[in-house]
Protein backbone atom coordinates (compact mmCIF):
# COMPACT_ATOMS: atom_id res chain seq x y z
CA MET A 1 -23.34 2.36 8.49
CA GLN A 2 -21.23 -0.16 8.21
CA SER A 3 -19.72 -0.32 4.56
CA ILE A 4 -19.84 -3.16 1.91
CA PHE A 5 -16.15 -3.24 1.72
CA ASP A 6 -15.53 -4.21 5.01
CA PHE A 7 -16.97 -7.81 4.37
CA ASN A 8 -15.05 -10.96 2.84
CA PHE A 9 -17.31 -13.40 1.14
CA GLN A 10 -17.58 -15.59 4.12
CA GLU A 11 -18.54 -13.00 6.24
CA PHE A 12 -21.38 -11.41 3.85
CA THR A 13 -22.60 -14.66 3.37
CA ASP A 14 -23.62 -14.92 7.02
CA PHE A 15 -24.46 -11.15 6.96
CA SER A 16 -27.23 -12.33 4.10
CA VAL A 17 -28.51 -15.05 6.50
CA ASN A 18 -28.18 -13.66 9.90
CA GLU A 19 -28.90 -9.90 9.58
CA LEU A 20 -31.33 -10.06 6.09
CA GLY A 21 -32.89 -13.23 6.70
CA ALA A 22 -31.57 -13.78 2.89
CA SER A 23 -30.97 -17.20 1.10
CA LYS A 24 -27.31 -18.09 0.84
CA PHE A 25 -26.67 -17.44 -2.78
CA LEU A 26 -27.64 -12.96 -2.09
CA ALA A 27 -24.09 -12.86 -1.57
CA SER A 28 -22.97 -14.14 -4.63
CA GLN A 29 -25.28 -11.83 -6.57
CA VAL A 30 -24.54 -8.49 -4.25
CA PHE A 31 -20.61 -9.40 -5.50
CA ASP A 32 -21.11 -9.52 -8.53
CA TRP A 33 -22.75 -6.45 -8.87
CA VAL A 34 -20.04 -4.24 -6.92
CA TYR A 35 -16.79 -6.16 -7.62
CA ARG A 36 -17.49 -7.02 -11.10
CA LYS A 37 -20.33 -4.78 -12.68
CA LYS A 38 -19.02 -1.89 -10.41
CA ASN A 39 -22.51 -0.55 -10.07
CA PHE A 40 -23.35 0.59 -6.33
CA ASP A 41 -27.25 1.63 -7.23
CA VAL A 42 -28.85 -0.83 -5.33
CA SER A 43 -32.08 -0.42 -6.74
CA THR A 44 -31.42 -1.18 -10.41
CA TRP A 45 -30.25 -4.54 -8.93
CA LEU A 46 -33.57 -6.50 -10.54
CA ASN A 47 -32.48 -10.24 -9.89
CA VAL A 48 -32.29 -9.21 -6.11
CA SER A 49 -35.34 -9.05 -4.87
CA LYS A 50 -37.30 -5.69 -4.14
CA ILE A 51 -37.36 -6.47 -0.15
CA ASN A 52 -33.85 -7.39 -0.28
CA ARG A 53 -32.51 -4.28 -1.82
CA GLU A 54 -34.56 -2.19 0.30
CA LYS A 55 -32.93 -3.84 3.61
CA LEU A 56 -29.14 -3.55 1.44
CA GLN A 57 -29.67 -0.25 1.03
CA ASN A 58 -30.80 0.91 4.82
CA LEU A 59 -28.12 -1.28 6.07
CA LEU A 60 -24.79 -0.35 4.39
CA ASP A 61 -23.19 2.21 2.72
CA PHE A 62 -21.28 1.77 -0.64
CA SER A 63 -19.88 5.03 -0.15
CA LEU A 64 -15.96 5.10 -2.35
CA PRO A 65 -13.07 7.54 -1.02
CA GLU A 66 -13.46 10.90 -2.62
CA VAL A 67 -10.52 11.92 -5.20
CA ILE A 68 -8.65 15.36 -4.44
CA TRP A 69 -6.23 15.11 -6.69
CA VAL A 70 -4.54 13.25 -9.52
CA GLY A 71 -1.08 13.84 -11.15
CA GLU A 72 0.13 12.46 -14.05
CA SER A 73 3.86 11.69 -15.07
CA LYS A 74 5.53 12.31 -18.30
CA ASP A 75 6.63 8.65 -17.34
CA GLY A 76 2.61 7.60 -17.60
CA THR A 77 2.90 7.16 -13.22
CA ARG A 78 -0.57 8.34 -12.01
CA LYS A 79 -0.91 9.70 -7.88
CA PHE A 80 -3.77 10.08 -6.49
CA LEU A 81 -4.59 12.06 -3.48
CA LEU A 82 -7.94 10.35 -2.36
CA ARG A 83 -10.07 11.87 1.23
CA MET A 84 -11.48 9.18 3.45
CA GLY A 85 -15.13 9.80 5.11
CA ASP A 86 -13.74 11.25 8.46
CA ASN A 87 -11.77 13.83 5.67
CA GLU A 88 -8.12 12.46 6.55
CA SER A 89 -5.96 11.83 3.45
CA ILE A 90 -3.77 8.95 1.81
CA GLU A 91 -1.99 8.72 -1.43
CA CYS A 92 -2.23 5.68 -3.66
CA VAL A 93 -0.31 5.47 -6.97
CA VAL A 94 -1.24 3.70 -10.71
CA ILE A 95 2.34 2.25 -12.01
CA PRO A 96 1.87 1.67 -15.83
CA SER A 97 4.59 -0.68 -17.77
CA LYS A 98 4.27 -3.06 -20.80
CA GLU A 99 2.49 -6.20 -18.99
CA ARG A 100 0.65 -4.48 -16.34
CA ARG A 101 -0.91 -1.74 -14.25
CA THR A 102 0.07 -1.69 -11.03
CA LEU A 103 -1.99 -0.03 -8.04
CA CYS A 104 0.24 1.02 -4.96
CA VAL A 105 -2.27 0.58 -1.79
CA SER A 106 -1.51 2.55 1.55
CA SER A 107 -3.05 0.58 4.79
CA GLN A 108 -2.73 3.54 7.15
CA VAL A 109 -2.50 7.13 7.59
CA GLY A 110 1.03 8.06 7.92
CA CYS A 111 3.34 5.53 9.68
CA ALA A 112 4.39 4.61 13.03
CA ILE A 113 8.29 2.83 12.17
CA GLY A 114 9.82 6.30 11.04
CA CYS A 115 12.37 4.81 8.72
CA THR A 116 14.51 7.61 7.71
CA PHE A 117 14.52 7.73 4.18
CA CYS A 118 11.21 8.07 4.04
CA HIS A 119 8.99 10.60 3.72
CA THR A 120 5.86 9.23 5.18
CA GLY A 121 7.90 8.86 8.45
CA THR A 122 8.43 11.98 9.30
CA GLN A 123 4.43 12.19 9.98
CA GLY A 124 4.08 9.88 12.43
CA LEU A 125 0.57 7.09 12.74
CA THR A 126 -2.60 9.17 13.10
CA ARG A 127 -4.71 5.75 12.31
CA HIS A 128 -4.92 2.52 11.04
CA LEU A 129 -7.19 2.20 7.35
CA LYS A 130 -10.32 -0.32 7.43
CA THR A 131 -10.32 -2.80 5.15
CA SER A 132 -13.24 -0.29 3.54
CA GLU A 133 -10.76 2.27 2.51
CA ILE A 134 -8.28 0.08 0.97
CA ILE A 135 -10.29 -1.59 -1.09
CA GLY A 136 -12.21 1.47 -1.87
CA GLN A 137 -8.77 2.91 -3.25
CA TYR A 138 -8.64 0.07 -5.88
CA MET A 139 -12.64 0.45 -6.55
CA LYS A 140 -12.35 4.52 -6.83
CA ILE A 141 -8.90 4.07 -8.96
CA SER A 142 -10.75 1.35 -11.21
CA LEU A 143 -13.44 3.46 -11.90
CA TRP A 144 -11.47 6.44 -12.62
CA LEU A 145 -9.23 4.49 -15.15
CA GLU A 146 -12.48 3.40 -16.89
CA SER A 147 -13.49 7.16 -17.04
CA LYS A 148 -10.37 7.72 -18.94
CA ASP A 149 -10.66 4.23 -21.15
CA ALA A 150 -7.14 3.64 -19.51
CA LEU A 151 -6.15 0.23 -19.00
CA PRO A 152 -7.56 -1.65 -16.12
CA ILE A 153 -5.48 -2.71 -12.41
CA SER A 154 -3.34 -5.76 -13.22
CA ASN A 155 -1.40 -6.02 -9.73
CA ILE A 156 -1.74 -4.67 -6.48
CA VAL A 157 1.45 -3.75 -4.50
CA TYR A 158 0.69 -3.09 -0.23
CA MET A 159 3.76 -0.49 -0.42
CA GLY A 160 2.03 2.90 0.08
CA GLN A 161 1.73 5.21 3.07
CA GLY A 162 1.90 2.63 6.59
CA GLU A 163 3.44 -0.70 7.34
CA PRO A 164 0.51 -2.90 6.40
CA LEU A 165 1.77 -5.82 8.88
CA HIS A 166 0.88 -2.81 11.42
CA ASN A 167 -2.44 -3.16 10.38
CA TYR A 168 -2.58 -7.03 9.87
CA GLU A 169 -6.28 -7.92 10.35
CA LYS A 170 -7.63 -5.19 8.15
CA VAL A 171 -4.87 -5.97 5.11
CA LYS A 172 -5.74 -9.49 5.77
CA LYS A 173 -9.38 -9.38 5.23
CA SER A 174 -8.43 -6.64 2.02
CA ALA A 175 -5.90 -9.51 0.19
CA GLU A 176 -8.90 -11.93 0.71
CA ILE A 177 -11.60 -9.35 -0.89
CA PHE A 178 -9.17 -8.82 -3.82
CA LEU A 179 -8.17 -12.77 -4.75
CA GLU A 180 -12.18 -13.85 -4.20
CA PRO A 181 -13.11 -15.41 -7.08
CA LYS A 182 -16.62 -14.63 -6.57
CA GLY A 183 -15.70 -10.96 -6.59
CA LEU A 184 -12.51 -9.27 -7.89
CA GLY A 185 -10.74 -12.28 -8.44
CA LEU A 186 -6.86 -11.19 -8.37
CA GLY A 187 -4.83 -13.64 -8.93
CA GLN A 188 -2.00 -15.13 -5.75
CA ARG A 189 1.01 -13.93 -7.86
CA ARG A 190 -0.65 -10.11 -8.79
CA ILE A 191 -0.43 -9.58 -5.15
CA THR A 192 2.51 -8.53 -3.23
CA LEU A 193 2.50 -7.32 0.27
CA SER A 194 5.65 -5.47 1.80
CA THR A 195 6.69 -5.08 5.44
CA SER A 196 9.77 -3.44 7.22
CA GLY A 197 10.27 -6.20 9.31
CA LEU A 198 7.51 -6.48 12.16
CA VAL A 199 8.72 -9.70 13.49
CA PRO A 200 5.52 -11.09 15.52
CA LYS A 201 3.43 -10.10 12.17
CA ILE A 202 5.51 -12.20 10.37
CA GLU A 203 5.43 -15.03 12.62
CA LYS A 204 1.54 -14.81 11.83
CA LEU A 205 1.76 -14.86 7.66
CA PHE A 206 1.45 -18.68 7.23
CA ASP A 207 -2.36 -17.51 8.69
CA PHE A 208 -2.38 -14.72 5.56
CA PRO A 209 -3.40 -15.79 2.18
CA PRO A 210 -0.11 -17.13 0.09
CA VAL A 211 0.79 -13.88 -1.81
CA ASN A 212 4.18 -12.37 -2.67
CA ILE A 213 6.10 -11.29 0.19
CA ALA A 214 8.72 -8.07 0.08
CA ILE A 215 11.21 -7.84 2.88
CA SER A 216 12.39 -3.83 3.27
CA LEU A 217 15.64 -4.53 4.15
CA HIS A 218 18.46 -1.79 2.73
CA SER A 219 20.98 -3.11 4.61
CA ALA A 220 22.60 -6.17 6.11
CA ARG A 221 24.80 -4.18 8.39
CA ASN A 222 22.56 -4.24 11.74
CA ASP A 223 23.95 -0.33 12.47
CA ILE A 224 23.15 0.46 9.25
CA ARG A 225 19.72 -0.68 9.16
CA SER A 226 19.51 0.81 13.03
CA GLU A 227 20.15 4.02 11.21
CA LEU A 228 17.76 3.57 8.49
CA MET A 229 14.84 1.69 10.66
CA PRO A 230 14.48 2.16 13.84
CA ILE A 231 12.42 -0.65 13.70
CA ASN A 232 15.76 -3.28 13.56
CA LYS A 233 17.01 -1.64 16.94
CA VAL A 234 13.48 -3.90 18.30
CA TYR A 235 14.04 -6.83 15.86
CA ASP A 236 17.28 -6.97 14.44
CA LEU A 237 18.70 -8.97 11.26
CA GLU A 238 18.98 -12.02 13.61
CA ARG A 239 15.33 -11.83 14.78
CA LEU A 240 14.04 -11.13 11.26
CA PHE A 241 15.33 -14.02 8.91
CA LYS A 242 14.31 -16.23 12.27
CA ALA A 243 10.79 -15.15 11.28
CA ILE A 244 11.12 -14.82 8.14
CA LYS A 245 12.38 -19.02 7.64
CA SER A 246 8.87 -19.37 8.81
CA ILE A 247 7.56 -18.09 6.14
CA PRO A 248 5.81 -20.83 3.49
CA LEU A 249 6.53 -20.08 0.30
CA LYS A 250 4.67 -22.18 -2.80
CA ALA A 251 6.98 -23.90 -5.17
CA SER A 252 9.09 -21.84 -7.00
CA ARG A 253 8.18 -18.31 -5.29
CA ARG A 254 10.68 -16.00 -3.72
CA ILE A 255 10.98 -13.44 -1.31
CA THR A 256 11.80 -10.15 -2.21
CA TYR A 257 13.88 -7.94 -0.51
CA GLU A 258 13.97 -4.17 -1.31
CA TYR A 259 17.16 -2.44 -0.93
CA ILE A 260 16.67 1.49 -0.77
CA LEU A 261 20.95 2.15 -2.29
CA ILE A 262 21.99 5.45 -0.78
CA LYS A 263 25.44 7.13 -2.08
CA ASP A 264 27.94 6.09 0.41
CA LEU A 265 25.67 4.55 3.44
CA ASN A 266 24.91 1.42 2.08
CA ASP A 267 26.02 1.05 -1.52
CA THR A 268 30.56 -0.40 -0.08
CA LYS A 269 32.19 -3.30 -0.89
CA GLU A 270 31.76 -4.26 3.09
CA ASP A 271 27.77 -3.90 2.61
CA LEU A 272 27.95 -5.63 -0.59
CA ARG A 273 29.44 -8.78 1.15
CA ALA A 274 27.43 -8.57 3.91
CA LEU A 275 24.38 -8.67 1.67
CA ILE A 276 25.50 -11.94 0.15
CA ASN A 277 26.26 -13.50 2.86
CA LEU A 278 22.86 -12.84 4.46
CA LEU A 279 20.52 -13.84 1.70
CA ASP A 280 19.57 -17.63 0.35
CA ARG A 281 20.24 -17.66 -3.74
CA ARG A 282 17.18 -20.26 -3.91
CA GLU A 283 14.57 -18.01 -2.45
CA SER A 284 15.60 -13.91 -2.15
CA LYS A 285 15.22 -11.85 -5.27
CA VAL A 286 16.98 -8.75 -4.50
CA ASN A 287 15.14 -5.42 -5.81
CA ILE A 288 17.56 -2.47 -5.86
CA ILE A 289 15.81 1.01 -5.75
CA PRO A 290 17.87 3.69 -6.46
CA PHE A 291 17.31 6.50 -3.70
CA ASN A 292 14.58 9.34 -4.18
CA GLU A 293 15.50 12.28 -3.62
CA TYR A 294 13.55 14.88 -1.89
CA PRO A 295 13.84 18.57 -0.59
CA GLU A 296 14.36 17.27 3.18
CA SER A 297 16.64 14.29 2.61
CA THR A 298 20.11 14.60 3.89
CA PHE A 299 20.30 11.48 1.85
CA LYS A 300 21.97 11.33 -1.99
CA ARG A 301 21.63 9.00 -5.02
CA PRO A 302 24.24 7.28 -5.97
CA SER A 303 26.20 7.43 -9.61
CA ASP A 304 24.76 5.22 -11.92
CA ALA A 305 28.31 3.84 -12.31
CA THR A 306 27.57 2.68 -8.91
CA ILE A 307 24.22 1.50 -8.88
CA LYS A 308 25.09 -1.02 -12.01
CA TRP A 309 28.08 -2.17 -10.45
CA PHE A 310 25.84 -3.20 -6.71
CA ASN A 311 23.54 -5.01 -9.49
CA GLU A 312 25.99 -6.35 -11.44
CA SER A 313 27.99 -8.01 -8.64
CA LEU A 314 24.97 -9.28 -6.75
CA ASN A 315 23.83 -11.03 -10.37
CA GLU A 316 27.62 -12.76 -11.29
CA SER A 317 27.26 -13.88 -6.71
CA GLY A 318 24.40 -16.44 -7.80
CA LEU A 319 21.66 -13.90 -6.58
CA THR A 320 19.02 -12.57 -8.55
CA SER A 321 18.86 -9.19 -8.55
CA THR A 322 17.56 -6.31 -10.61
CA ILE A 323 17.41 -2.15 -10.62
CA ARG A 324 13.67 -0.85 -10.27
CA VAL A 325 12.78 1.90 -12.63
CA SER A 326 11.80 5.10 -11.12
CA LYS A 327 8.60 6.51 -12.01
CA GLY A 328 6.88 9.77 -11.39
CA ASP A 329 9.79 11.85 -10.76
CA ASP A 330 8.65 14.72 -11.89
CA ILE A 331 4.55 14.11 -9.45
CA LEU A 332 6.33 14.21 -6.14
CA ALA A 333 7.57 10.65 -6.39
CA ALA A 334 8.57 10.29 -2.89
CA CYS A 335 6.07 8.50 -0.34
CA GLY A 336 3.38 11.03 1.68
CA GLN A 337 5.15 13.77 -0.12
CA LEU A 338 2.10 15.07 -2.15
CA LYS A 339 -0.38 14.54 1.57
CA SER A 340 2.83 16.10 3.30
CA GLU A 341 2.37 19.41 1.19
CA HIS A 342 -1.37 19.17 0.86
CA GLU A 343 -1.91 19.24 4.73
CA LYS A 344 0.55 22.13 5.18
CA LYS A 345 -1.75 24.13 2.88
CA ASN A 346 -4.95 22.76 4.84
CA LEU A 347 -3.28 23.41 7.95
CA TRP A 348 -2.30 27.42 6.89
CA SER A 349 -6.15 27.52 5.69
CA ALA A 350 -7.53 26.30 8.82
CA ASP A 351 -5.68 28.46 11.05
CA LYS A 352 -6.43 31.34 9.01
CA LYS A 353 -9.93 31.16 9.58
CA ARG A 354 -9.27 30.27 12.91
CA GLU A 355 -7.90 34.12 13.26
CA ILE A 356 -10.18 35.85 11.69
CA GLU A 357 -13.14 34.11 13.59
CA ASN A 358 -10.95 35.20 16.41
CA LEU A 359 -10.64 38.76 15.11
CA LYS A 360 -14.65 38.71 14.87
CA SER A 361 -15.23 37.96 18.17
CA GLN A 362 -13.48 41.00 19.12
CA HIS A 363 -15.12 43.30 16.89
CA VAL A 364 -12.00 44.40 15.51
CA TYR A 365 -12.14 42.75 11.85
CA ARG A 366 -13.59 45.04 9.47
C-alpha cells in the first residue's frame, strides 16, 4: 500500500483523477487534512464524500515512523530515534534557538560516503529513505512537539544521516512537499540542503527547488580533504568548485561552506590561507563547526583560542564567517552515535535469542 506522504501535490492531483475517479479539488482537501490539520483519520473528513473516504482508506497508508527513544539536552536540543516500517532506525534532531526550531532530517539509513570524522560513516549504507520516510520525520516530530506544547518546527536542514544528493529524487520530492503552499508551506529560505560534494548531482541542482545550499568542505587543500572525505579522491576541489559555479543562486543568496575545525589537521595558517584564496567573498559564507569528539574518534577539538582566531581571520579577510554553537553534547550529539549504540543492543539481543533457540533445539536448554 502506497504512503500518502510519497506524493507531491501534482502527483496526488493526478492520482485523485486517474485512480480515484475524483475531481482535482480532492487533492486540496486531502493535503489540507493531512498537512495543515494533521488529521489522519479519514473517517472524520466530513467535507470529503463517503465513497472517496473509503477509497482513500483502502488504497493509501497514513502511518508514520515510530518514536523509539527521545533524549533532551540541558540546552533544549531533542534527539529522536525513529523506527521505520521495516524495523530500520534513523535519527533526527530538533535544535532550538531564540527565533526558530530547526529539524535536522536524515535521508538514508547509514551513509556510503565514509567521512572519517563522522560516526554515521562507520555504519556504511543500508538503504535510501523513501520520500514518505523523510516527510514522516517532520510529521511525527511535529505531532510529538504539539503533544508537549512545545514550539513548532520552523526550519528544515538535510544534515542528518546520509548524503542527501545520493538519494536525489526522493529528497527532491520531499523538498517539494515541504514547500507546497497547499500543504506544509515552508519558505525556501527555511530549508537547507547539505552535500559532501557529489558532483554529478550538484550539476543537477538547477532542477531542484530553490532552497539554501550548504557544502561540507572541511578543507581547502586536496590532501587534507581526501583524508577527511574519501569522496574528494573522485571529485576533488577543482571539480567540486566547477560544479558549484553551476548552482543557480537567487539574488542575495549565498552558499554556506561547513568547515569542521579539527586540532592540528585543518586549523593552521596554511589551511586558513587556502580557504581565503578558494572562496568567493560575495557568494560564500563559512560555518565553522568545532569538532565534536566521540569515543572512537582520534580527532580532537581545537582550543577556544584557535577557533576564535580562525573565525576572526576569515572575517578580516572579507569573508562572512560564524561559529556554530555545539548543541546536545550530553545526548550523544555525534551523528549516528545513538543509532549505533541502539543497534549494538539489538544485535546482542538477536544473537542471544538465536543461541537460546539453538540450545532448545538440541534439548540442552533447561
